[in-house]
């Protein structure tokens, strides 16, 4: 009797295991593969630019550069942690281009990502203008570009943009794309932005990504970034090293 009971239990267990093995995971639909990541990029970029612009506009001169640095670092860490499993949390055209060059995403998604990020940047800058008092907004007009007083400062400013864009792009690729060096991605990204802004604002301002150049007076910032992107992405990650965990569009 005991032997028959054990045989029945073994049979039931084997049938249950076969049933579990036969279960096929649900494939993501078109909305989850295309529209949801783009929406996440738009919303994430919008709130990041909104928080960043507001922190600069409302910054008290006596406080120095600490408030914008902390706000940008904490904001990007939070947004990356929230949106990472949806879109990969790029929130920045240079990151999207660099990740594509390293084989981390498909070409068909590059255009929608860039458009979503730029639209999100415009919306975020508009939200900051709606929220802050008009006099403070006017006082902040010009933003980082008020720092450049003469044309002789322009080469140093361009080099600063290239160098810092190269650095932050390299950080993103190493901590978020390459599995050999992958770490908790929000923390290095937030810390990088935190230390980056106090170090560079005295020369070129605090605009490491095109979306933030959409704050008041941020003209022609898009022209400062391509060489920095290529410099950061020259540490090319082989396509076989790129996993799909942070790239849900695959």
C-alpha atoms as a PDB file:
ATOM      1  CA  UNK A   1       0.000   0.000   0.000  1.00  0.00           C
ATOM      2  CA  UNK A   2       2.796   2.371   0.904  1.00  0.00           C
ATOM      3  CA  UNK A   3       4.651   1.514  -2.304  1.00  0.00           C
ATOM      4  CA  UNK A   4       1.587   2.286  -4.443  1.00  0.00           C
ATOM      5  CA  UNK A   5       1.130   5.607  -2.647  1.00  0.00           C
ATOM      6  CA  UNK A   6       4.737   6.583  -3.328  1.00  0.00           C
ATOM      7  CA  UNK A   7       4.368   5.662  -7.004  1.00  0.00           C
ATOM      8  CA  UNK A   8       1.214   7.788  -7.294  1.00  0.00           C
ATOM      9  CA  UNK A   9       2.970  10.742  -5.672  1.00  0.00           C
ATOM     10  CA  UNK A  10       5.917  10.387  -8.061  1.00  0.00           C
ATOM     11  CA  UNK A  11       3.535  10.257 -11.030  1.00  0.00           C
ATOM     12  CA  UNK A  12       1.687  13.385  -9.878  1.00  0.00           C
ATOM     13  CA  UNK A  13       4.966  15.214  -9.314  1.00  0.00           C
ATOM     14  CA  UNK A  14       6.238  14.314 -12.790  1.00  0.00           C
ATOM     15  CA  UNK A  15       2.958  15.436 -14.384  1.00  0.00           C
ATOM     16  CA  UNK A  16       3.109  18.747 -12.530  1.00  0.00           C
ATOM     17  CA  UNK A  17       6.708  19.271 -13.657  1.00  0.00           C
ATOM     18  CA  UNK A  18       5.731  18.610 -17.267  1.00  0.00           C
ATOM     19  CA  UNK A  19       2.857  21.063 -16.975  1.00  0.00           C
ATOM     20  CA  UNK A  20       5.146  23.737 -15.646  1.00  0.00           C
ATOM     21  CA  UNK A  21       7.723  23.109 -18.367  1.00  0.00           C
ATOM     22  CA  UNK A  22       5.058  23.326 -21.053  1.00  0.00           C
ATOM     23  CA  UNK A  23       3.995  26.805 -19.943  1.00  0.00           C
ATOM     24  CA  UNK A  24       5.183  29.336 -22.542  1.00  0.00           C
ATOM     25  CA  UNK A  25       5.945  32.868 -21.318  1.00  0.00           C
ATOM     26  CA  UNK A  26       3.735  35.555 -22.804  1.00  0.00           C
ATOM     27  CA  UNK A  27       5.449  37.560 -25.506  1.00  0.00           C
ATOM     28  CA  UNK A  28       5.271  41.357 -25.190  1.00  0.00           C
ATOM     29  CA  UNK A  29       2.744  42.948 -27.494  1.00  0.00           C
ATOM     30  CA  UNK A  30       3.314  45.906 -29.822  1.00  0.00           C
ATOM     31  CA  UNK A  31       2.368  48.455 -27.177  1.00  0.00           C
ATOM     32  CA  UNK A  32       4.835  47.031 -24.650  1.00  0.00           C
ATOM     33  CA  UNK A  33       7.655  46.793 -27.209  1.00  0.00           C
ATOM     34  CA  UNK A  34       7.326  50.198 -28.912  1.00  0.00           C
ATOM     35  CA  UNK A  35       4.881  52.663 -27.392  1.00  0.00           C
ATOM     36  CA  UNK A  36       5.430  51.982 -23.702  1.00  0.00           C
ATOM     37  CA  UNK A  37       9.236  52.508 -23.818  1.00  0.00           C
ATOM     38  CA  UNK A  38       8.808  55.743 -25.777  1.00  0.00           C
ATOM     39  CA  UNK A  39       6.210  56.963 -23.300  1.00  0.00           C
ATOM     40  CA  UNK A  40       8.556  56.129 -20.430  1.00  0.00           C
ATOM     41  CA  UNK A  41      11.364  58.097 -22.098  1.00  0.00           C
ATOM     42  CA  UNK A  42       9.074  61.082 -22.640  1.00  0.00           C
ATOM     43  CA  UNK A  43       7.790  61.116 -19.056  1.00  0.00           C
ATOM     44  CA  UNK A  44      11.199  60.463 -17.514  1.00  0.00           C
ATOM     45  CA  UNK A  45      12.930  63.181 -19.548  1.00  0.00           C
ATOM     46  CA  UNK A  46      10.080  65.597 -18.878  1.00  0.00           C
ATOM     47  CA  UNK A  47      10.281  65.273 -15.108  1.00  0.00           C
ATOM     48  CA  UNK A  48      14.084  65.230 -15.064  1.00  0.00           C
ATOM     49  CA  UNK A  49      14.308  68.468 -17.073  1.00  0.00           C
ATOM     50  CA  UNK A  50      11.460  69.989 -15.063  1.00  0.00           C
ATOM     51  CA  UNK A  51      13.167  69.256 -11.742  1.00  0.00           C
ATOM     52  CA  UNK A  52      16.573  70.332 -13.051  1.00  0.00           C
ATOM     53  CA  UNK A  53      15.377  73.611 -14.552  1.00  0.00           C
ATOM     54  CA  UNK A  54      13.364  74.477 -11.451  1.00  0.00           C
ATOM     55  CA  UNK A  55      16.323  73.793  -9.169  1.00  0.00           C
ATOM     56  CA  UNK A  56      18.493  76.191 -11.182  1.00  0.00           C
ATOM     57  CA  UNK A  57      15.830  78.907 -11.447  1.00  0.00           C
ATOM     58  CA  UNK A  58      14.996  78.747  -7.734  1.00  0.00           C
ATOM     59  CA  UNK A  59      18.603  78.377  -6.601  1.00  0.00           C
ATOM     60  CA  UNK A  60      19.704  80.949  -4.025  1.00  0.00           C
ATOM     61  CA  UNK A  61      23.052  82.516  -5.044  1.00  0.00           C
ATOM     62  CA  UNK A  62      24.338  82.249  -1.481  1.00  0.00           C
ATOM     63  CA  UNK A  63      23.902  78.461  -1.605  1.00  0.00           C
ATOM     64  CA  UNK A  64      26.347  78.130  -4.482  1.00  0.00           C
ATOM     65  CA  UNK A  65      26.104  75.105  -6.764  1.00  0.00           C
ATOM     66  CA  UNK A  66      25.181  72.497  -4.174  1.00  0.00           C
ATOM     67  CA  UNK A  67      21.405  72.581  -4.691  1.00  0.00           C
ATOM     68  CA  UNK A  68      21.394  72.018  -8.488  1.00  0.00           C
ATOM     69  CA  UNK A  69      24.049  69.307  -8.152  1.00  0.00           C
ATOM     70  CA  UNK A  70      22.136  67.372  -5.502  1.00  0.00           C
ATOM     71  CA  UNK A  71      18.798  67.808  -7.247  1.00  0.00           C
ATOM     72  CA  UNK A  72      20.085  66.583 -10.605  1.00  0.00           C
ATOM     73  CA  UNK A  73      21.852  63.589  -9.070  1.00  0.00           C
ATOM     74  CA  UNK A  74      18.907  62.481  -6.953  1.00  0.00           C
ATOM     75  CA  UNK A  75      16.395  63.110  -9.743  1.00  0.00           C
ATOM     76  CA  UNK A  76      18.232  60.998 -12.286  1.00  0.00           C
ATOM     77  CA  UNK A  77      18.774  58.195  -9.759  1.00  0.00           C
ATOM     78  CA  UNK A  78      15.051  58.062  -8.975  1.00  0.00           C
ATOM     79  CA  UNK A  79      13.889  58.245 -12.596  1.00  0.00           C
ATOM     80  CA  UNK A  80      16.372  55.577 -13.710  1.00  0.00           C
ATOM     81  CA  UNK A  81      15.280  53.239 -10.918  1.00  0.00           C
ATOM     82  CA  UNK A  82      11.602  53.720 -11.824  1.00  0.00           C
ATOM     83  CA  UNK A  83      11.821  53.438 -15.626  1.00  0.00           C
ATOM     84  CA  UNK A  84      14.779  51.072 -16.090  1.00  0.00           C
ATOM     85  CA  UNK A  85      12.743  47.920 -16.763  1.00  0.00           C
ATOM     86  CA  UNK A  86      10.436  49.757 -19.164  1.00  0.00           C
ATOM     87  CA  UNK A  87      12.708  51.716 -21.490  1.00  0.00           C
ATOM     88  CA  UNK A  88      16.247  51.321 -20.175  1.00  0.00           C
ATOM     89  CA  UNK A  89      16.119  54.863 -18.715  1.00  0.00           C
ATOM     90  CA  UNK A  90      18.149  56.742 -21.326  1.00  0.00           C
ATOM     91  CA  UNK A  91      16.527  60.190 -20.914  1.00  0.00           C
ATOM     92  CA  UNK A  92      19.291  61.629 -23.081  1.00  0.00           C
ATOM     93  CA  UNK A  93      19.916  61.486 -26.867  1.00  0.00           C
ATOM     94  CA  UNK A  94      23.697  60.929 -26.490  1.00  0.00           C
ATOM     95  CA  UNK A  95      23.013  57.866 -24.330  1.00  0.00           C
ATOM     96  CA  UNK A  96      20.593  56.434 -26.873  1.00  0.00           C
ATOM     97  CA  UNK A  97      23.049  56.920 -29.736  1.00  0.00           C
ATOM     98  CA  UNK A  98      25.942  55.463 -27.740  1.00  0.00           C
ATOM     99  CA  UNK A  99      23.935  52.423 -26.623  1.00  0.00           C
ATOM    100  CA  UNK A 100      22.873  51.790 -30.225  1.00  0.00           C
ATOM    101  CA  UNK A 101      26.490  52.042 -31.415  1.00  0.00           C
ATOM    102  CA  UNK A 102      27.426  49.417 -28.827  1.00  0.00           C
ATOM    103  CA  UNK A 103      24.676  47.051 -29.957  1.00  0.00           C
ATOM    104  CA  UNK A 104      22.386  47.628 -26.988  1.00  0.00           C
ATOM    105  CA  UNK A 105      19.259  48.495 -28.977  1.00  0.00           C
ATOM    106  CA  UNK A 106      17.769  48.198 -32.435  1.00  0.00           C
ATOM    107  CA  UNK A 107      18.010  50.962 -35.020  1.00  0.00           C
ATOM    108  CA  UNK A 108      14.235  51.088 -35.430  1.00  0.00           C
ATOM    109  CA  UNK A 109      13.890  52.387 -31.855  1.00  0.00           C
ATOM    110  CA  UNK A 110      16.564  55.103 -32.047  1.00  0.00           C
ATOM    111  CA  UNK A 111      14.395  57.666 -33.846  1.00  0.00           C
ATOM    112  CA  UNK A 112      11.344  57.263 -31.573  1.00  0.00           C
ATOM    113  CA  UNK A 113      13.571  57.453 -28.494  1.00  0.00           C
ATOM    114  CA  UNK A 114      15.253  60.670 -29.661  1.00  0.00           C
ATOM    115  CA  UNK A 115      11.913  62.261 -30.524  1.00  0.00           C
ATOM    116  CA  UNK A 116      10.412  61.256 -27.164  1.00  0.00           C
ATOM    117  CA  UNK A 117      13.380  62.682 -25.262  1.00  0.00           C
ATOM    118  CA  UNK A 118      13.323  66.017 -27.091  1.00  0.00           C
ATOM    119  CA  UNK A 119       9.563  66.367 -26.658  1.00  0.00           C
ATOM    120  CA  UNK A 120       9.936  65.507 -22.979  1.00  0.00           C
ATOM    121  CA  UNK A 121      12.633  68.170 -22.628  1.00  0.00           C
ATOM    122  CA  UNK A 122      10.377  70.829 -24.156  1.00  0.00           C
ATOM    123  CA  UNK A 123       7.491  69.826 -21.889  1.00  0.00           C
ATOM    124  CA  UNK A 124       9.726  69.817 -18.800  1.00  0.00           C
ATOM    125  CA  UNK A 125      11.090  73.285 -19.552  1.00  0.00           C
ATOM    126  CA  UNK A 126       7.540  74.526 -20.151  1.00  0.00           C
ATOM    127  CA  UNK A 127       6.386  73.075 -16.830  1.00  0.00           C
ATOM    128  CA  UNK A 128       9.175  74.893 -14.992  1.00  0.00           C
ATOM    129  CA  UNK A 129       8.188  78.170 -16.670  1.00  0.00           C
ATOM    130  CA  UNK A 130       4.563  77.686 -15.637  1.00  0.00           C
ATOM    131  CA  UNK A 131       5.459  76.945 -12.016  1.00  0.00           C
ATOM    132  CA  UNK A 132       8.067  79.552 -11.096  1.00  0.00           C
ATOM    133  CA  UNK A 133       7.307  83.286 -10.691  1.00  0.00           C
ATOM    134  CA  UNK A 134       7.840  85.341 -13.831  1.00  0.00           C
ATOM    135  CA  UNK A 135      10.499  87.589 -12.292  1.00  0.00           C
ATOM    136  CA  UNK A 136      12.648  84.634 -11.223  1.00  0.00           C
ATOM    137  CA  UNK A 137      12.253  83.043 -14.621  1.00  0.00           C
ATOM    138  CA  UNK A 138      13.453  86.237 -16.306  1.00  0.00           C
ATOM    139  CA  UNK A 139      16.415  86.434 -13.938  1.00  0.00           C
ATOM    140  CA  UNK A 140      17.422  82.925 -15.007  1.00  0.00           C
ATOM    141  CA  UNK A 141      17.174  83.675 -18.740  1.00  0.00           C
ATOM    142  CA  UNK A 142      20.433  82.770 -20.418  1.00  0.00           C
ATOM    143  CA  UNK A 143      21.237  80.040 -17.906  1.00  0.00           C
ATOM    144  CA  UNK A 144      24.656  78.547 -18.570  1.00  0.00           C
ATOM    145  CA  UNK A 145      25.290  80.794 -21.550  1.00  0.00           C
ATOM    146  CA  UNK A 146      25.589  83.864 -19.336  1.00  0.00           C
ATOM    147  CA  UNK A 147      28.898  82.418 -18.149  1.00  0.00           C
ATOM    148  CA  UNK A 148      30.554  82.902 -21.538  1.00  0.00           C
ATOM    149  CA  UNK A 149      31.445  86.582 -21.628  1.00  0.00           C
ATOM    150  CA  UNK A 150      33.934  86.591 -24.510  1.00  0.00           C
ATOM    151  CA  UNK A 151      34.609  84.505 -27.595  1.00  0.00           C
ATOM    152  CA  UNK A 152      37.954  83.430 -26.142  1.00  0.00           C
ATOM    153  CA  UNK A 153      36.047  81.297 -23.612  1.00  0.00           C
ATOM    154  CA  UNK A 154      34.229  79.347 -26.329  1.00  0.00           C
ATOM    155  CA  UNK A 155      36.943  76.721 -27.086  1.00  0.00           C
ATOM    156  CA  UNK A 156      37.228  75.818 -23.408  1.00  0.00           C
ATOM    157  CA  UNK A 157      33.452  75.560 -23.126  1.00  0.00           C
ATOM    158  CA  UNK A 158      33.202  73.273 -26.153  1.00  0.00           C
ATOM    159  CA  UNK A 159      36.011  71.078 -24.838  1.00  0.00           C
ATOM    160  CA  UNK A 160      34.290  70.894 -21.448  1.00  0.00           C
ATOM    161  CA  UNK A 161      31.049  69.741 -23.062  1.00  0.00           C
ATOM    162  CA  UNK A 162      32.882  67.114 -25.103  1.00  0.00           C
ATOM    163  CA  UNK A 163      34.905  65.815 -22.157  1.00  0.00           C
ATOM    164  CA  UNK A 164      31.993  65.621 -19.719  1.00  0.00           C
ATOM    165  CA  UNK A 165      29.686  64.042 -22.316  1.00  0.00           C
ATOM    166  CA  UNK A 166      32.402  61.476 -23.048  1.00  0.00           C
ATOM    167  CA  UNK A 167      32.766  60.711 -19.339  1.00  0.00           C
ATOM    168  CA  UNK A 168      29.078  60.318 -18.549  1.00  0.00           C
ATOM    169  CA  UNK A 169      28.531  58.234 -21.708  1.00  0.00           C
ATOM    170  CA  UNK A 170      31.368  55.927 -20.697  1.00  0.00           C
ATOM    171  CA  UNK A 171      29.857  55.572 -17.212  1.00  0.00           C
ATOM    172  CA  UNK A 172      26.457  54.640 -18.645  1.00  0.00           C
ATOM    173  CA  UNK A 173      27.900  52.070 -21.043  1.00  0.00           C
ATOM    174  CA  UNK A 174      30.053  50.412 -18.403  1.00  0.00           C
ATOM    175  CA  UNK A 175      27.497  50.262 -15.598  1.00  0.00           C
ATOM    176  CA  UNK A 176      24.332  49.598 -17.620  1.00  0.00           C
ATOM    177  CA  UNK A 177      25.286  47.784 -20.835  1.00  0.00           C
ATOM    178  CA  UNK A 178      28.457  45.751 -20.352  1.00  0.00           C
ATOM    179  CA  UNK A 179      27.645  42.714 -18.149  1.00  0.00           C
ATOM    180  CA  UNK A 180      31.259  42.414 -16.970  1.00  0.00           C
ATOM    181  CA  UNK A 181      31.168  45.839 -15.310  1.00  0.00           C
ATOM    182  CA  UNK A 182      27.437  46.181 -14.660  1.00  0.00           C
ATOM    183  CA  UNK A 183      26.576  47.701 -11.269  1.00  0.00           C
ATOM    184  CA  UNK A 184      23.433  49.188  -9.642  1.00  0.00           C
ATOM    185  CA  UNK A 185      22.918  51.700 -12.440  1.00  0.00           C
ATOM    186  CA  UNK A 186      20.984  54.518 -10.731  1.00  0.00           C
ATOM    187  CA  UNK A 187      23.705  55.078  -8.127  1.00  0.00           C
ATOM    188  CA  UNK A 188      26.705  55.641 -10.456  1.00  0.00           C
ATOM    189  CA  UNK A 189      24.587  57.760 -12.813  1.00  0.00           C
ATOM    190  CA  UNK A 190      23.313  59.964 -10.023  1.00  0.00           C
ATOM    191  CA  UNK A 191      26.720  60.300  -8.372  1.00  0.00           C
ATOM    192  CA  UNK A 192      28.315  61.185 -11.704  1.00  0.00           C
ATOM    193  CA  UNK A 193      25.864  64.006 -12.299  1.00  0.00           C
ATOM    194  CA  UNK A 194      26.290  65.126  -8.711  1.00  0.00           C
ATOM    195  CA  UNK A 195      30.068  65.492  -8.964  1.00  0.00           C
ATOM    196  CA  UNK A 196      29.965  66.693 -12.577  1.00  0.00           C
ATOM    197  CA  UNK A 197      27.963  69.855 -12.094  1.00  0.00           C
ATOM    198  CA  UNK A 198      30.018  71.592  -9.406  1.00  0.00           C
ATOM    199  CA  UNK A 199      33.159  70.867 -11.403  1.00  0.00           C
ATOM    200  CA  UNK A 200      32.008  72.276 -14.717  1.00  0.00           C
ATOM    201  CA  UNK A 201      29.471  74.970 -14.051  1.00  0.00           C
ATOM    202  CA  UNK A 202      32.107  77.627 -13.650  1.00  0.00           C
ATOM    203  CA  UNK A 203      33.115  77.144 -17.275  1.00  0.00           C
ATOM    204  CA  UNK A 204      30.268  75.808 -19.372  1.00  0.00           C
ATOM    205  CA  UNK A 205      27.232  75.600 -17.124  1.00  0.00           C
ATOM    206  CA  UNK A 206      25.329  72.458 -16.223  1.00  0.00           C
ATOM    207  CA  UNK A 207      23.925  71.189 -19.509  1.00  0.00           C
ATOM    208  CA  UNK A 208      25.285  67.688 -20.187  1.00  0.00           C
ATOM    209  CA  UNK A 209      22.325  66.667 -22.306  1.00  0.00           C
ATOM    210  CA  UNK A 210      20.353  68.355 -25.111  1.00  0.00           C
ATOM    211  CA  UNK A 211      17.073  68.094 -23.217  1.00  0.00           C
ATOM    212  CA  UNK A 212      18.323  70.506 -20.579  1.00  0.00           C
ATOM    213  CA  UNK A 213      19.451  73.003 -23.172  1.00  0.00           C
ATOM    214  CA  UNK A 214      15.745  73.686 -23.629  1.00  0.00           C
ATOM    215  CA  UNK A 215      15.713  75.756 -20.468  1.00  0.00           C
ATOM    216  CA  UNK A 216      15.682  79.567 -20.982  1.00  0.00           C
ATOM    217  CA  UNK A 217      18.439  80.697 -23.319  1.00  0.00           C
ATOM    218  CA  UNK A 218      19.716  77.223 -24.147  1.00  0.00           C
ATOM    219  CA  UNK A 219      20.441  77.778 -27.842  1.00  0.00           C
ATOM    220  CA  UNK A 220      22.738  75.622 -29.978  1.00  0.00           C
ATOM    221  CA  UNK A 221      23.542  73.188 -27.169  1.00  0.00           C
ATOM    222  CA  UNK A 222      22.896  70.254 -29.499  1.00  0.00           C
ATOM    223  CA  UNK A 223      26.026  71.158 -31.452  1.00  0.00           C
ATOM    224  CA  UNK A 224      28.341  70.526 -28.486  1.00  0.00           C
ATOM    225  CA  UNK A 225      27.618  66.829 -27.979  1.00  0.00           C
ATOM    226  CA  UNK A 226      28.350  64.502 -30.945  1.00  0.00           C
ATOM    227  CA  UNK A 227      32.112  64.195 -30.401  1.00  0.00           C
ATOM    228  CA  UNK A 228      31.578  63.469 -26.735  1.00  0.00           C
ATOM    229  CA  UNK A 229      29.143  60.697 -27.618  1.00  0.00           C
ATOM    230  CA  UNK A 230      31.606  59.108 -30.026  1.00  0.00           C
ATOM    231  CA  UNK A 231      34.379  59.454 -27.474  1.00  0.00           C
ATOM    232  CA  UNK A 232      32.378  57.697 -24.794  1.00  0.00           C
ATOM    233  CA  UNK A 233      31.120  54.944 -27.065  1.00  0.00           C
ATOM    234  CA  UNK A 234      34.543  54.104 -28.513  1.00  0.00           C
ATOM    235  CA  UNK A 235      34.810  51.650 -25.625  1.00  0.00           C
ATOM    236  CA  UNK A 236      32.647  49.422 -27.753  1.00  0.00           C
ATOM    237  CA  UNK A 237      30.798  46.587 -26.043  1.00  0.00           C
ATOM    238  CA  UNK A 238      30.544  43.476 -28.254  1.00  0.00           C
ATOM    239  CA  UNK A 239      26.998  42.644 -29.274  1.00  0.00           C
ATOM    240  CA  UNK A 240      27.225  39.271 -27.581  1.00  0.00           C
ATOM    241  CA  UNK A 241      27.889  41.028 -24.258  1.00  0.00           C
ATOM    242  CA  UNK A 242      24.706  43.059 -24.318  1.00  0.00           C
ATOM    243  CA  UNK A 243      21.898  41.491 -22.352  1.00  0.00           C
ATOM    244  CA  UNK A 244      18.200  42.134 -22.736  1.00  0.00           C
ATOM    245  CA  UNK A 245      17.513  42.876 -19.072  1.00  0.00           C
ATOM    246  CA  UNK A 246      17.790  46.622 -19.481  1.00  0.00           C
ATOM    247  CA  UNK A 247      16.504  46.617 -23.059  1.00  0.00           C
ATOM    248  CA  UNK A 248      12.844  45.555 -23.011  1.00  0.00           C
ATOM    249  CA  UNK A 249      12.290  46.450 -26.667  1.00  0.00           C
ATOM    250  CA  UNK A 250      14.191  43.336 -27.803  1.00  0.00           C
END
